Each structure stands twice: as structure tokens, then as C-alpha cells.
Amino acid sequence: MAPSSTNSAFHKTLARIWYLKPRDIPTVLFRGGGAPRSPGVSGALVCQIDLLASFAALTGQKLADADAPDSFNVLPALLGESKTGRERLVEDAQNRLALREGEWKVIEGGRPRNRNAGSGSAAAEQLYNLGEDLGETKDLGAQNPEKVKEAIGRLEKMRQNRRSRP
């Protein structure tokens, strides 16, 4: 598939773990008992997996500890009551993980399982500031080794616990 010209500043394949141009995903929520709120746009960090915990909260259900171990209740963000969603998000591609925390993203080192993945095969950990470099072109890992170490430590803990939700 040829890359879209609107994604020219971003890595050009879905098989990589690098961030692609964000897509505006329209989500319509209606809460009965009053006039609907005006439509809005949110920059909250939310993942589709969060819909499970969020809808459980909306309907007054309690998730068991083992249920949806990676789903967070981001209902306030979905309802426009908060500008924040989850604190961090784990991304997975080709058996490599990345951790997004705020504007920072760290990609663990190693080789992806797909040898045809192109340049996504760097051996060292990588660190990007998505607020300044959404295209992930400037690896800041060498300048911020402590930030990389801390983030990789949190990522490894989540991997060992087999969950991201405490």
C-alpha cells in the first residue's frame, strides 16, 4: 500500500511500532436526562481497550481484578469532563513493546520478529518526545539515559505482571 501524502512526515508502514499520524476517531456519546453537550475535541490519551472499564463504570459494574487487565476507566475524558485519559499506553508491534507516557515514548531494544519490517529493527532502546517530534525522527535516548532506564523498567514490570492496570 502506498503511503498517504498526509503521512509524509511519519513512518510509512503499519507494521512498525513508530507512531503514525493521529487519526480523529469520532466518538458519539449521549447521556440522557438533558441537552447533549456541544461536540468537542480531546487530546486525552485513550485506547479502545479502555472502553471496557469505562462502560463498566458508566453502568455501575465492578470489574474483577483479573478482568480487562489493561483497561482503564477514562469515562471522564470520554464525557468531556476531563482533558486527561490514561497516564501511559503500551504499544506492541512485531513482539517489541513501546511505552507512551505523556509526550514521551520509549521503544524497547531488540529485533522484531518480522525480518521484513524495514528500519524498525534497531537494537538499542529509543526515546522520542512526541510533543516536539511527532514523526519520531530524533532519538533522544542517548541524551536521556535515566528517562529511558526508568521507562523500560516500568515496561518490564508490566510485562512481568502481565497487565498494565495496577
Protein backbone atom coordinates (compact mmCIF):
# COMPACT_ATOMS: atom_id res chain seq x y z
CA MET A 1 0.00 0.00 0.00
CA ALA A 2 1.42 3.39 -0.94
CA PRO A 3 1.77 5.84 1.92
CA SER A 4 -0.65 8.72 2.05
CA SER A 5 0.85 12.12 1.27
CA THR A 6 -0.71 13.39 4.51
CA ASN A 7 1.55 10.98 6.42
CA SER A 8 4.75 12.10 4.70
CA ALA A 9 6.35 13.25 7.98
CA PHE A 10 5.62 9.92 9.65
CA HIS A 11 6.97 6.40 9.28
CA LYS A 12 5.19 4.82 6.36
CA THR A 13 4.14 1.34 7.44
CA LEU A 14 1.63 0.00 9.90
CA ALA A 15 3.93 -2.92 10.71
CA ARG A 16 6.30 -0.73 12.69
CA ILE A 17 5.95 0.37 16.26
CA TRP A 18 6.51 4.01 15.42
CA TYR A 19 3.69 6.46 15.80
CA LEU A 20 1.59 7.18 12.73
CA LYS A 21 -0.27 10.39 12.11
CA PRO A 22 -3.09 10.54 14.65
CA ARG A 23 -6.49 9.85 13.30
CA ASP A 24 -9.51 11.72 14.51
CA ILE A 25 -11.83 8.97 15.59
CA PRO A 26 -15.30 10.37 16.01
CA THR A 27 -16.99 9.04 19.09
CA VAL A 28 -20.56 9.94 19.83
CA LEU A 29 -21.76 9.64 23.39
CA PHE A 30 -25.23 10.56 24.51
CA ARG A 31 -26.25 10.88 28.10
CA GLY A 32 -29.98 11.04 28.63
CA GLY A 33 -31.67 13.44 31.02
CA GLY A 34 -30.64 16.71 29.47
CA ALA A 35 -29.43 18.52 26.46
CA PRO A 36 -26.39 16.95 24.84
CA ARG A 37 -23.10 18.78 25.22
CA SER A 38 -21.56 20.59 22.31
CA PRO A 39 -19.20 18.46 20.26
CA GLY A 40 -15.56 18.78 21.24
CA VAL A 41 -12.08 17.56 20.50
CA SER A 42 -9.91 15.94 23.13
CA GLY A 43 -6.19 15.26 23.30
CA ALA A 44 -6.68 12.71 26.10
CA LEU A 45 -4.64 9.52 25.82
CA VAL A 46 -7.28 6.80 25.37
CA CYS A 47 -7.18 3.32 23.88
CA GLN A 48 -10.06 1.19 22.59
CA ILE A 49 -9.36 -1.34 25.35
CA ASP A 50 -10.38 1.39 27.82
CA LEU A 51 -13.96 1.22 26.62
CA LEU A 52 -14.50 -1.95 28.68
CA ALA A 53 -13.59 -0.39 32.05
CA SER A 54 -15.21 2.92 31.10
CA PHE A 55 -18.53 1.36 30.11
CA ALA A 56 -18.43 -0.83 33.22
CA ALA A 57 -18.13 2.35 35.29
CA LEU A 58 -20.90 4.01 33.27
CA THR A 59 -23.27 1.14 34.01
CA GLY A 60 -22.22 0.74 37.66
CA GLN A 61 -20.43 -2.57 37.13
CA LYS A 62 -17.29 -3.55 39.04
CA LEU A 63 -14.57 -5.34 37.11
CA ALA A 64 -12.90 -8.23 38.87
CA ASP A 65 -9.15 -7.82 39.31
CA ALA A 66 -8.44 -10.35 36.55
CA ASP A 67 -10.91 -8.79 34.11
CA ALA A 68 -9.55 -6.48 31.42
CA PRO A 69 -6.07 -6.11 32.96
CA ASP A 70 -5.13 -3.36 30.51
CA SER A 71 -8.36 -1.38 30.53
CA PHE A 72 -8.60 1.90 32.44
CA ASN A 73 -11.71 3.88 33.31
CA VAL A 74 -11.37 7.01 31.17
CA LEU A 75 -15.07 7.87 31.32
CA PRO A 76 -14.47 11.48 32.43
CA ALA A 77 -12.34 12.04 29.31
CA LEU A 78 -14.96 10.39 27.09
CA LEU A 79 -17.68 12.58 28.55
CA GLY A 80 -15.65 15.76 28.14
CA GLU A 81 -15.33 16.24 31.91
CA SER A 82 -11.55 15.80 31.90
CA LYS A 83 -8.76 16.64 29.47
CA THR A 84 -6.72 13.63 30.54
CA GLY A 85 -7.25 9.93 29.99
CA ARG A 86 -4.77 7.26 30.98
CA GLU A 87 -1.26 8.09 32.18
CA ARG A 88 0.54 5.66 29.91
CA LEU A 89 -0.11 3.35 27.00
CA VAL A 90 1.76 0.21 25.97
CA GLU A 91 2.07 -0.33 22.23
CA ASP A 92 3.03 -3.66 20.67
CA ALA A 93 4.33 -4.42 17.19
CA GLN A 94 6.42 -7.34 15.99
CA ASN A 95 6.95 -8.62 19.54
CA ARG A 96 8.53 -5.33 20.68
CA LEU A 97 6.89 -3.03 23.15
CA ALA A 98 6.83 0.73 23.43
CA LEU A 99 5.61 2.84 26.32
CA ARG A 100 3.93 6.18 25.76
CA GLU A 101 3.85 8.46 28.82
CA GLY A 102 2.60 11.97 28.20
CA GLU A 103 4.60 13.36 25.30
CA TRP A 104 7.39 10.79 25.72
CA LYS A 105 7.65 7.42 24.05
CA VAL A 106 10.31 4.80 24.64
CA ILE A 107 10.74 1.80 22.34
CA GLU A 108 12.49 -1.23 23.78
CA GLY A 109 15.59 -2.54 22.08
CA GLY A 110 15.92 -5.84 20.29
CA ARG A 111 14.86 -7.17 16.96
CA PRO A 112 11.26 -7.52 15.74
CA ARG A 113 10.12 -11.00 14.81
CA ASN A 114 9.34 -9.85 11.24
CA ARG A 115 12.65 -9.54 9.37
CA ASN A 116 10.92 -7.65 6.55
CA ALA A 117 9.89 -4.84 8.87
CA GLY A 118 12.39 -2.39 7.44
CA SER A 119 14.12 0.12 9.64
CA GLY A 120 12.10 -0.91 12.68
CA SER A 121 14.90 -3.30 13.62
CA ALA A 122 17.14 -1.01 15.69
CA ALA A 123 18.88 -2.89 18.50
CA ALA A 124 19.05 -0.08 21.10
CA GLU A 125 16.23 1.47 23.10
CA GLN A 126 14.85 4.64 21.53
CA LEU A 127 13.27 7.70 23.13
CA TYR A 128 11.15 10.32 21.39
CA ASN A 129 9.43 13.50 22.53
CA LEU A 130 6.19 13.36 20.54
CA GLY A 131 5.30 16.91 21.54
CA GLU A 132 8.29 18.17 19.55
CA ASP A 133 8.88 15.31 17.11
CA LEU A 134 5.68 13.53 16.19
CA GLY A 135 7.40 11.85 13.25
CA GLU A 136 9.88 10.18 15.65
CA THR A 137 12.93 11.29 13.71
CA LYS A 138 15.14 12.42 16.63
CA ASP A 139 16.08 9.62 19.02
CA LEU A 140 16.79 11.32 22.38
CA GLY A 141 17.75 8.13 24.22
CA ALA A 142 21.48 8.89 24.38
CA GLN A 143 20.80 12.34 25.89
CA ASN A 144 18.27 10.98 28.43
CA PRO A 145 19.57 7.58 29.62
CA GLU A 146 17.83 7.83 33.02
CA LYS A 147 14.44 8.52 31.41
CA VAL A 148 14.96 5.51 29.13
CA LYS A 149 16.01 3.29 32.06
CA GLU A 150 13.00 4.29 34.17
CA ALA A 151 10.51 3.81 31.34
CA ILE A 152 11.99 0.44 30.33
CA GLY A 153 11.79 -0.59 34.00
CA ARG A 154 8.07 0.28 34.13
CA LEU A 155 7.53 -1.55 30.86
CA GLU A 156 9.32 -4.64 32.15
CA LYS A 157 7.26 -4.59 35.36
CA MET A 158 4.07 -4.52 33.29
CA ARG A 159 5.35 -7.39 31.18
CA GLN A 160 6.15 -9.45 34.30
CA ASN A 161 2.75 -8.67 35.83
CA ARG A 162 1.08 -9.41 32.50
CA ARG A 163 -1.02 -6.27 32.91
CA SER A 164 -0.76 -2.50 32.79
CA ARG A 165 -3.60 -1.73 35.19
CA PRO A 166 -2.50 -1.92 38.85
